[in-house]
C-alpha atoms as a PDB file:
ATOM      1  CA  UNK A   1       0.000   0.000   0.000  1.00  0.00           C
ATOM      2  CA  UNK A   2       1.097   3.526  -0.634  1.00  0.00           C
ATOM      3  CA  UNK A   3       1.204   6.286   1.917  1.00  0.00           C
ATOM      4  CA  UNK A   4      -1.852   8.063   0.508  1.00  0.00           C
ATOM      5  CA  UNK A   5      -3.946   4.927   0.774  1.00  0.00           C
ATOM      6  CA  UNK A   6      -2.943   4.467   4.402  1.00  0.00           C
ATOM      7  CA  UNK A   7      -3.818   8.072   5.266  1.00  0.00           C
ATOM      8  CA  UNK A   8      -7.208   7.754   3.543  1.00  0.00           C
ATOM      9  CA  UNK A   9      -7.981   4.582   5.465  1.00  0.00           C
ATOM     10  CA  UNK A  10      -6.912   6.236   8.707  1.00  0.00           C
ATOM     11  CA  UNK A  11      -9.261   9.166   8.146  1.00  0.00           C
ATOM     12  CA  UNK A  12     -12.137   6.785   7.425  1.00  0.00           C
ATOM     13  CA  UNK A  13     -11.608   4.975  10.699  1.00  0.00           C
ATOM     14  CA  UNK A  14     -11.632   8.244  12.617  1.00  0.00           C
ATOM     15  CA  UNK A  15     -14.993   9.244  11.195  1.00  0.00           C
ATOM     16  CA  UNK A  16     -16.471   5.817  11.786  1.00  0.00           C
ATOM     17  CA  UNK A  17     -15.319   5.944  15.421  1.00  0.00           C
ATOM     18  CA  UNK A  18     -17.017   9.298  15.876  1.00  0.00           C
ATOM     19  CA  UNK A  19     -20.261   7.892  14.490  1.00  0.00           C
ATOM     20  CA  UNK A  20     -20.005   4.815  16.671  1.00  0.00           C
ATOM     21  CA  UNK A  21     -19.738   6.866  19.878  1.00  0.00           C
ATOM     22  CA  UNK A  22     -23.197   8.290  19.306  1.00  0.00           C
ATOM     23  CA  UNK A  23     -22.456  11.915  18.562  1.00  0.00           C
ATOM     24  CA  UNK A  24     -25.355  13.478  16.747  1.00  0.00           C
ATOM     25  CA  UNK A  25     -24.795  15.680  13.759  1.00  0.00           C
ATOM     26  CA  UNK A  26     -26.507  19.026  14.277  1.00  0.00           C
ATOM     27  CA  UNK A  27     -28.519  20.434  11.446  1.00  0.00           C
ATOM     28  CA  UNK A  28     -26.824  23.561  10.196  1.00  0.00           C
ATOM     29  CA  UNK A  29     -29.008  26.555   9.462  1.00  0.00           C
ATOM     30  CA  UNK A  30     -27.363  29.301   7.523  1.00  0.00           C
ATOM     31  CA  UNK A  31     -27.053  32.716   9.094  1.00  0.00           C
ATOM     32  CA  UNK A  32     -28.731  34.249   6.069  1.00  0.00           C
ATOM     33  CA  UNK A  33     -31.897  32.204   6.682  1.00  0.00           C
ATOM     34  CA  UNK A  34     -31.994  33.111  10.367  1.00  0.00           C
ATOM     35  CA  UNK A  35     -31.500  36.821   9.660  1.00  0.00           C
ATOM     36  CA  UNK A  36     -34.219  36.909   7.022  1.00  0.00           C
ATOM     37  CA  UNK A  37     -36.608  35.136   9.391  1.00  0.00           C
ATOM     38  CA  UNK A  38     -35.869  37.581  12.237  1.00  0.00           C
ATOM     39  CA  UNK A  39     -36.184  40.604   9.966  1.00  0.00           C
ATOM     40  CA  UNK A  40     -39.615  39.504   8.762  1.00  0.00           C
ATOM     41  CA  UNK A  41     -40.868  39.117  12.347  1.00  0.00           C
ATOM     42  CA  UNK A  42     -39.389  42.431  13.444  1.00  0.00           C
ATOM     43  CA  UNK A  43     -40.778  44.395  10.508  1.00  0.00           C
ATOM     44  CA  UNK A  44     -44.252  42.985  11.087  1.00  0.00           C
ATOM     45  CA  UNK A  45     -44.214  44.012  14.743  1.00  0.00           C
ATOM     46  CA  UNK A  46     -42.995  47.542  14.009  1.00  0.00           C
ATOM     47  CA  UNK A  47     -45.625  48.175  11.351  1.00  0.00           C
ATOM     48  CA  UNK A  48     -48.446  46.876  13.544  1.00  0.00           C
ATOM     49  CA  UNK A  49     -47.579  49.090  16.499  1.00  0.00           C
ATOM     50  CA  UNK A  50     -47.056  52.246  14.478  1.00  0.00           C
ATOM     51  CA  UNK A  51     -50.291  51.880  12.528  1.00  0.00           C
ATOM     52  CA  UNK A  52     -52.554  51.489  15.500  1.00  0.00           C
ATOM     53  CA  UNK A  53     -51.567  54.735  17.236  1.00  0.00           C
ATOM     54  CA  UNK A  54     -52.347  58.172  15.818  1.00  0.00           C
ATOM     55  CA  UNK A  55     -51.493  60.910  18.276  1.00  0.00           C
ATOM     56  CA  UNK A  56     -53.176  64.189  19.206  1.00  0.00           C
ATOM     57  CA  UNK A  57     -50.353  66.646  19.838  1.00  0.00           C
ATOM     58  CA  UNK A  58     -50.664  69.556  22.278  1.00  0.00           C
ATOM     59  CA  UNK A  59     -51.236  72.973  20.724  1.00  0.00           C
ATOM     60  CA  UNK A  60     -48.129  74.702  19.417  1.00  0.00           C
ATOM     61  CA  UNK A  61     -46.009  71.569  19.134  1.00  0.00           C
ATOM     62  CA  UNK A  62     -44.326  71.858  15.741  1.00  0.00           C
ATOM     63  CA  UNK A  63     -40.768  70.604  16.303  1.00  0.00           C
ATOM     64  CA  UNK A  64     -40.176  67.013  15.160  1.00  0.00           C
ATOM     65  CA  UNK A  65     -37.948  66.216  18.140  1.00  0.00           C
ATOM     66  CA  UNK A  66     -40.595  67.440  20.581  1.00  0.00           C
ATOM     67  CA  UNK A  67     -43.219  65.330  18.808  1.00  0.00           C
ATOM     68  CA  UNK A  68     -40.983  62.276  18.966  1.00  0.00           C
ATOM     69  CA  UNK A  69     -40.403  62.821  22.682  1.00  0.00           C
ATOM     70  CA  UNK A  70     -44.158  63.231  23.225  1.00  0.00           C
ATOM     71  CA  UNK A  71     -44.968  60.011  21.312  1.00  0.00           C
ATOM     72  CA  UNK A  72     -42.419  58.067  23.357  1.00  0.00           C
ATOM     73  CA  UNK A  73     -43.873  59.437  26.585  1.00  0.00           C
ATOM     74  CA  UNK A  74     -47.405  58.446  25.517  1.00  0.00           C
ATOM     75  CA  UNK A  75     -46.314  54.928  24.473  1.00  0.00           C
ATOM     76  CA  UNK A  76     -44.495  54.415  27.759  1.00  0.00           C
ATOM     77  CA  UNK A  77     -47.580  55.466  29.713  1.00  0.00           C
ATOM     78  CA  UNK A  78     -49.817  53.138  27.684  1.00  0.00           C
ATOM     79  CA  UNK A  79     -47.402  50.225  28.178  1.00  0.00           C
ATOM     80  CA  UNK A  80     -47.390  51.007  31.896  1.00  0.00           C
ATOM     81  CA  UNK A  81     -51.178  50.733  31.978  1.00  0.00           C
ATOM     82  CA  UNK A  82     -51.003  47.478  29.997  1.00  0.00           C
ATOM     83  CA  UNK A  83     -48.615  45.994  32.548  1.00  0.00           C
ATOM     84  CA  UNK A  84     -50.631  47.102  35.595  1.00  0.00           C
ATOM     85  CA  UNK A  85     -54.145  46.118  34.485  1.00  0.00           C
ATOM     86  CA  UNK A  86     -53.659  42.310  34.638  1.00  0.00           C
ATOM     87  CA  UNK A  87     -52.234  42.575  38.156  1.00  0.00           C
ATOM     88  CA  UNK A  88     -55.282  44.251  39.715  1.00  0.00           C
ATOM     89  CA  UNK A  89     -58.748  43.027  40.670  1.00  0.00           C
ATOM     90  CA  UNK A  90     -62.059  44.510  41.774  1.00  0.00           C
ATOM     91  CA  UNK A  91     -62.570  48.240  42.273  1.00  0.00           C
ATOM     92  CA  UNK A  92     -58.928  49.120  41.628  1.00  0.00           C
ATOM     93  CA  UNK A  93     -59.086  47.368  38.271  1.00  0.00           C
ATOM     94  CA  UNK A  94     -62.217  49.224  37.188  1.00  0.00           C
ATOM     95  CA  UNK A  95     -60.771  52.567  38.288  1.00  0.00           C
ATOM     96  CA  UNK A  96     -57.545  51.929  36.402  1.00  0.00           C
ATOM     97  CA  UNK A  97     -59.460  50.851  33.272  1.00  0.00           C
ATOM     98  CA  UNK A  98     -61.483  54.092  33.369  1.00  0.00           C
ATOM     99  CA  UNK A  99     -58.296  56.108  33.789  1.00  0.00           C
ATOM    100  CA  UNK A 100     -56.695  54.208  30.899  1.00  0.00           C
ATOM    101  CA  UNK A 101     -59.673  54.821  28.594  1.00  0.00           C
ATOM    102  CA  UNK A 102     -59.691  58.527  29.476  1.00  0.00           C
ATOM    103  CA  UNK A 103     -55.953  58.789  28.810  1.00  0.00           C
ATOM    104  CA  UNK A 104     -56.283  57.111  25.417  1.00  0.00           C
ATOM    105  CA  UNK A 105     -59.129  59.496  24.451  1.00  0.00           C
ATOM    106  CA  UNK A 106     -56.967  62.428  25.460  1.00  0.00           C
ATOM    107  CA  UNK A 107     -53.787  61.521  23.564  1.00  0.00           C
ATOM    108  CA  UNK A 108     -54.884  59.307  20.647  1.00  0.00           C
ATOM    109  CA  UNK A 109     -57.062  60.190  17.660  1.00  0.00           C
ATOM    110  CA  UNK A 110     -58.604  56.708  17.582  1.00  0.00           C
ATOM    111  CA  UNK A 111     -58.758  55.365  21.123  1.00  0.00           C
END
C-alpha cells in the first residue's frame, strides 16, 4: 500500500469511530436564513404598532424632536397601563381601566 492509501484509510476509521460513539450531527441553518426570518418578524411588529396609534399633539407643538419625545412618553404610559391592568382586581381594576380609557381618548385620535 502507498502512503496516501494508508492516510485515507486512517481518516475513514476516525470518522467511523465518531459515528459509533453516538455523537449526533446538528442540522446547520445558515445565518442568512436566520437573519431573514428575524427581519420579517421584526418588521411585522414595528408596522403593527405604528399603525394602530395616531397621536393628538398639544397645541403649538411643531418641532419634530418634541413630537418624537411626546410620542415616546405616551407609548411608555400606555405600556405602563397594559402591565398594571392584569395585576389588579375589583374596584382598583375598574378605576384603572377608566383612567386608561380617558388617557387614550386624550392623547390618541382613535382610542
